[in-house]
Amino acid sequence: MSQDSECQTFPIFLLVQPVRTPSIFHGEAGDDPSRWLKEYERIAKINLWDDTMCLANAYFFLKGTARLWYENNEENLSFWEKFQQQLKIVFGSTELIHKTS
């Protein structure tokens, strides 16, 4: 038997998962920042985003009032946890309301 016939190669198929995108947060009445952040973090986990990437990508999923808020406060939102906390405070998270009641 030749050495070539002993060594077989098999094709490898890489499964490439498409990047998922979270919904847009507008910051309007009725928008729940806690619910949006929960969805955002689920999608970030699938996309393998760490906290730095979560913060960097958040801007692209904010529109209207929420984007204006981000642009005006970007220098104070240097960490993902800070962004989440401030988003909930500014846009009236029902989660925060229940915790303080």
N, C-alpha and C. Protein backbone atom coordinates (compact mmCIF):
# COMPACT_ATOMS: atom_id res chain seq x y z
N MET A 1 0.84 -1.16 0.00
CA MET A 1 0.00 0.00 0.00
C MET A 1 0.89 1.24 0.00
N SER A 2 0.54 2.22 -0.79
CA SER A 2 1.35 3.43 -0.83
C SER A 2 0.95 4.36 0.31
N GLN A 3 1.87 5.23 0.63
CA GLN A 3 1.61 6.17 1.72
C GLN A 3 0.46 7.11 1.38
N ASP A 4 0.30 7.48 0.13
CA ASP A 4 -0.77 8.38 -0.28
C ASP A 4 -2.15 7.80 -0.03
N SER A 5 -2.31 6.50 -0.19
CA SER A 5 -3.64 5.91 -0.01
C SER A 5 -4.00 5.77 1.47
N GLU A 6 -3.00 5.79 2.34
CA GLU A 6 -3.27 5.68 3.77
C GLU A 6 -3.75 7.00 4.37
N CYS A 7 -3.36 8.07 3.78
CA CYS A 7 -3.70 9.38 4.30
C CYS A 7 -4.85 9.96 3.48
N GLN A 8 -5.99 10.04 4.08
CA GLN A 8 -7.15 10.59 3.38
C GLN A 8 -7.49 11.96 3.95
N THR A 9 -7.91 12.81 3.10
CA THR A 9 -8.36 14.12 3.57
C THR A 9 -9.86 14.22 3.38
N PHE A 10 -10.47 14.92 4.28
CA PHE A 10 -11.91 15.14 4.22
C PHE A 10 -12.16 16.63 4.20
N PRO A 11 -13.11 17.03 3.39
CA PRO A 11 -13.39 18.48 3.36
C PRO A 11 -13.98 18.93 4.70
N ILE A 12 -13.62 20.11 5.09
CA ILE A 12 -14.14 20.70 6.32
C ILE A 12 -15.11 21.81 5.93
N PHE A 13 -16.28 21.74 6.47
CA PHE A 13 -17.28 22.76 6.19
C PHE A 13 -17.44 23.62 7.44
N LEU A 14 -17.14 24.87 7.30
CA LEU A 14 -17.30 25.79 8.40
C LEU A 14 -18.72 26.34 8.39
N LEU A 15 -19.33 26.31 9.52
CA LEU A 15 -20.65 26.88 9.63
C LEU A 15 -20.50 28.35 10.00
N VAL A 16 -20.88 29.19 9.11
CA VAL A 16 -20.79 30.62 9.35
C VAL A 16 -22.18 31.13 9.66
N GLN A 17 -22.33 31.58 10.87
CA GLN A 17 -23.63 32.08 11.30
C GLN A 17 -23.73 33.56 10.92
N PRO A 18 -24.83 33.96 10.32
CA PRO A 18 -24.96 35.37 9.97
C PRO A 18 -25.00 36.24 11.23
N VAL A 19 -24.50 37.44 11.10
CA VAL A 19 -24.55 38.38 12.22
C VAL A 19 -26.01 38.76 12.45
N ARG A 20 -26.43 38.68 13.67
CA ARG A 20 -27.80 39.06 14.04
C ARG A 20 -27.81 40.53 14.40
N THR A 21 -28.93 41.17 14.19
CA THR A 21 -29.03 42.59 14.53
C THR A 21 -30.20 42.81 15.48
N PRO A 22 -29.96 43.56 16.54
CA PRO A 22 -31.03 43.87 17.48
C PRO A 22 -31.98 44.92 16.88
N SER A 23 -33.11 45.06 17.52
CA SER A 23 -34.06 46.09 17.09
C SER A 23 -33.48 47.47 17.41
N ILE A 24 -34.12 48.48 16.88
CA ILE A 24 -33.71 49.86 17.10
C ILE A 24 -34.40 50.39 18.35
N PHE A 25 -33.64 51.09 19.17
CA PHE A 25 -34.21 51.75 20.35
C PHE A 25 -34.30 53.24 20.05
N HIS A 26 -35.52 53.78 20.17
CA HIS A 26 -35.76 55.20 19.86
C HIS A 26 -35.80 56.09 21.10
N GLY A 27 -36.13 55.50 22.24
CA GLY A 27 -36.23 56.29 23.46
C GLY A 27 -37.53 57.07 23.56
N GLU A 28 -38.53 56.63 22.84
CA GLU A 28 -39.85 57.31 22.87
C GLU A 28 -40.71 56.73 23.99
N ALA A 29 -41.80 57.41 24.30
CA ALA A 29 -42.73 56.92 25.32
C ALA A 29 -43.16 55.50 24.97
N GLY A 30 -43.14 54.64 25.95
CA GLY A 30 -43.54 53.25 25.74
C GLY A 30 -42.36 52.32 25.42
N ASP A 31 -41.21 52.88 25.05
CA ASP A 31 -40.02 52.06 24.81
C ASP A 31 -39.44 51.66 26.16
N ASP A 32 -39.18 50.39 26.34
CA ASP A 32 -38.64 49.89 27.60
C ASP A 32 -37.16 49.59 27.43
N PRO A 33 -36.29 50.40 28.02
CA PRO A 33 -34.86 50.17 27.84
C PRO A 33 -34.38 48.83 28.39
N SER A 34 -34.99 48.34 29.46
CA SER A 34 -34.58 47.03 30.00
C SER A 34 -34.89 45.92 29.03
N ARG A 35 -36.03 45.98 28.42
CA ARG A 35 -36.42 44.96 27.44
C ARG A 35 -35.49 45.02 26.22
N TRP A 36 -35.21 46.24 25.76
CA TRP A 36 -34.32 46.39 24.61
C TRP A 36 -32.91 45.89 24.95
N LEU A 37 -32.40 46.24 26.13
CA LEU A 37 -31.07 45.78 26.53
C LEU A 37 -31.00 44.26 26.65
N LYS A 38 -32.07 43.65 27.13
CA LYS A 38 -32.10 42.19 27.24
C LYS A 38 -31.98 41.56 25.85
N GLU A 39 -32.75 42.07 24.91
CA GLU A 39 -32.68 41.58 23.53
C GLU A 39 -31.28 41.84 22.95
N TYR A 40 -30.76 43.04 23.18
CA TYR A 40 -29.45 43.43 22.66
C TYR A 40 -28.37 42.48 23.18
N GLU A 41 -28.40 42.16 24.47
CA GLU A 41 -27.39 41.28 25.05
C GLU A 41 -27.53 39.84 24.56
N ARG A 42 -28.75 39.39 24.30
CA ARG A 42 -28.94 38.06 23.71
C ARG A 42 -28.27 37.99 22.35
N ILE A 43 -28.51 39.02 21.55
CA ILE A 43 -27.93 39.05 20.20
C ILE A 43 -26.43 39.24 20.27
N ALA A 44 -25.95 40.05 21.19
CA ALA A 44 -24.50 40.24 21.37
C ALA A 44 -23.82 38.91 21.71
N LYS A 45 -24.47 38.11 22.52
CA LYS A 45 -23.92 36.80 22.89
C LYS A 45 -23.79 35.91 21.66
N ILE A 46 -24.82 35.89 20.83
CA ILE A 46 -24.78 35.09 19.60
C ILE A 46 -23.68 35.59 18.66
N ASN A 47 -23.52 36.91 18.61
CA ASN A 47 -22.52 37.52 17.73
C ASN A 47 -21.11 37.51 18.33
N LEU A 48 -20.99 37.01 19.56
CA LEU A 48 -19.71 36.94 20.27
C LEU A 48 -19.10 38.32 20.53
N TRP A 49 -19.97 39.27 20.86
CA TRP A 49 -19.50 40.61 21.21
C TRP A 49 -19.15 40.65 22.69
N ASP A 50 -17.99 41.18 23.02
CA ASP A 50 -17.66 41.43 24.41
C ASP A 50 -18.21 42.80 24.80
N ASP A 51 -17.96 43.24 26.02
CA ASP A 51 -18.51 44.52 26.47
C ASP A 51 -18.05 45.69 25.62
N THR A 52 -16.80 45.65 25.17
CA THR A 52 -16.28 46.73 24.33
C THR A 52 -17.05 46.80 23.01
N MET A 53 -17.30 45.64 22.41
CA MET A 53 -18.05 45.61 21.15
C MET A 53 -19.52 45.98 21.36
N CYS A 54 -20.08 45.58 22.49
CA CYS A 54 -21.47 45.96 22.79
C CYS A 54 -21.60 47.48 22.81
N LEU A 55 -20.68 48.13 23.49
CA LEU A 55 -20.72 49.59 23.57
C LEU A 55 -20.47 50.22 22.21
N ALA A 56 -19.50 49.72 21.47
CA ALA A 56 -19.17 50.28 20.16
C ALA A 56 -20.33 50.13 19.18
N ASN A 57 -21.05 49.03 19.25
CA ASN A 57 -22.15 48.78 18.31
C ASN A 57 -23.47 49.43 18.71
N ALA A 58 -23.63 49.76 19.97
CA ALA A 58 -24.91 50.30 20.46
C ALA A 58 -25.35 51.52 19.66
N TYR A 59 -24.43 52.39 19.33
CA TYR A 59 -24.75 53.62 18.60
C TYR A 59 -25.57 53.33 17.33
N PHE A 60 -25.24 52.25 16.64
CA PHE A 60 -25.87 51.93 15.37
C PHE A 60 -27.30 51.41 15.51
N PHE A 61 -27.71 51.12 16.75
CA PHE A 61 -29.06 50.63 17.00
C PHE A 61 -29.88 51.61 17.83
N LEU A 62 -29.42 52.85 17.86
CA LEU A 62 -30.15 53.94 18.50
C LEU A 62 -30.59 54.92 17.41
N LYS A 63 -31.80 55.41 17.52
CA LYS A 63 -32.32 56.40 16.56
C LYS A 63 -33.08 57.47 17.33
N GLY A 64 -33.30 58.58 16.68
CA GLY A 64 -34.11 59.65 17.26
C GLY A 64 -33.56 60.18 18.56
N THR A 65 -34.44 60.27 19.55
CA THR A 65 -34.09 60.81 20.86
C THR A 65 -32.95 60.03 21.51
N ALA A 66 -32.97 58.72 21.39
CA ALA A 66 -31.94 57.89 22.01
C ALA A 66 -30.56 58.16 21.39
N ARG A 67 -30.51 58.33 20.09
CA ARG A 67 -29.22 58.60 19.44
C ARG A 67 -28.71 59.99 19.82
N LEU A 68 -29.60 60.95 19.87
CA LEU A 68 -29.21 62.30 20.27
C LEU A 68 -28.66 62.29 21.70
N TRP A 69 -29.33 61.56 22.59
CA TRP A 69 -28.85 61.41 23.97
C TRP A 69 -27.44 60.82 23.98
N TYR A 70 -27.23 59.76 23.20
CA TYR A 70 -25.92 59.12 23.15
C TYR A 70 -24.85 60.10 22.65
N GLU A 71 -25.16 60.79 21.56
CA GLU A 71 -24.19 61.73 20.99
C GLU A 71 -23.83 62.84 21.98
N ASN A 72 -24.80 63.29 22.75
CA ASN A 72 -24.57 64.36 23.73
C ASN A 72 -23.86 63.87 25.00
N ASN A 73 -23.84 62.57 25.23
CA ASN A 73 -23.28 62.03 26.47
C ASN A 73 -22.20 60.98 26.24
N GLU A 74 -21.75 60.85 25.03
CA GLU A 74 -20.81 59.78 24.68
C GLU A 74 -19.57 59.75 25.57
N GLU A 75 -19.03 60.91 25.91
CA GLU A 75 -17.81 60.94 26.73
C GLU A 75 -18.04 60.39 28.13
N ASN A 76 -19.28 60.37 28.60
CA ASN A 76 -19.61 59.82 29.93
C ASN A 76 -20.04 58.36 29.88
N LEU A 77 -20.09 57.80 28.69
CA LEU A 77 -20.56 56.42 28.51
C LEU A 77 -19.40 55.54 28.05
N SER A 78 -18.33 55.54 28.80
CA SER A 78 -17.10 54.87 28.37
C SER A 78 -17.06 53.37 28.66
N PHE A 79 -18.04 52.87 29.42
CA PHE A 79 -18.10 51.45 29.74
C PHE A 79 -19.51 50.93 29.45
N TRP A 80 -19.61 49.68 29.05
CA TRP A 80 -20.89 49.07 28.73
C TRP A 80 -21.85 49.13 29.92
N GLU A 81 -21.37 48.83 31.11
CA GLU A 81 -22.24 48.88 32.29
C GLU A 81 -22.78 50.29 32.53
N LYS A 82 -21.95 51.28 32.34
CA LYS A 82 -22.36 52.68 32.51
C LYS A 82 -23.43 53.04 31.47
N PHE A 83 -23.23 52.61 30.24
CA PHE A 83 -24.21 52.86 29.18
C PHE A 83 -25.56 52.27 29.57
N GLN A 84 -25.56 51.01 30.00
CA GLN A 84 -26.81 50.35 30.38
C GLN A 84 -27.50 51.08 31.52
N GLN A 85 -26.73 51.42 32.53
CA GLN A 85 -27.29 52.12 33.70
C GLN A 85 -27.91 53.46 33.29
N GLN A 86 -27.19 54.23 32.52
CA GLN A 86 -27.67 55.55 32.13
C GLN A 86 -28.87 55.46 31.18
N LEU A 87 -28.87 54.50 30.28
CA LEU A 87 -30.00 54.31 29.37
C LEU A 87 -31.28 54.04 30.17
N LYS A 88 -31.16 53.19 31.19
CA LYS A 88 -32.32 52.87 32.03
C LYS A 88 -32.79 54.09 32.82
N ILE A 89 -31.86 54.87 33.33
CA ILE A 89 -32.22 56.05 34.11
C ILE A 89 -32.89 57.10 33.22
N VAL A 90 -32.27 57.41 32.10
CA VAL A 90 -32.77 58.47 31.23
C VAL A 90 -34.09 58.12 30.57
N PHE A 91 -34.25 56.86 30.17
CA PHE A 91 -35.46 56.49 29.44
C PHE A 91 -36.45 55.71 30.27
N GLY A 92 -36.32 55.82 31.62
CA GLY A 92 -37.35 55.32 32.51
C GLY A 92 -37.58 53.85 32.51
N SER A 93 -36.55 53.08 32.78
CA SER A 93 -36.71 51.64 32.83
C SER A 93 -37.76 51.23 33.86
N THR A 94 -38.69 50.38 33.46
CA THR A 94 -39.69 49.88 34.39
C THR A 94 -39.01 49.03 35.46
N GLU A 95 -37.89 48.42 35.13
CA GLU A 95 -37.12 47.62 36.09
C GLU A 95 -36.62 48.51 37.22
N LEU A 96 -36.09 49.67 36.91
CA LEU A 96 -35.60 50.59 37.93
C LEU A 96 -36.74 51.16 38.76
N ILE A 97 -37.86 51.43 38.13
CA ILE A 97 -39.02 51.97 38.84
C ILE A 97 -39.49 50.97 39.89
N HIS A 98 -39.56 49.68 39.51
CA HIS A 98 -40.01 48.66 40.45
C HIS A 98 -39.03 48.45 41.59
N LYS A 99 -37.74 48.58 41.33
CA LYS A 99 -36.73 48.38 42.37
C LYS A 99 -36.74 49.52 43.38
N THR A 100 -37.10 50.72 42.95
CA THR A 100 -37.07 51.86 43.86
C THR A 100 -38.39 52.06 44.57
N SER A 101 -39.43 51.39 44.15
CA SER A 101 -40.75 51.55 44.79
C SER A 101 -40.85 50.76 46.06
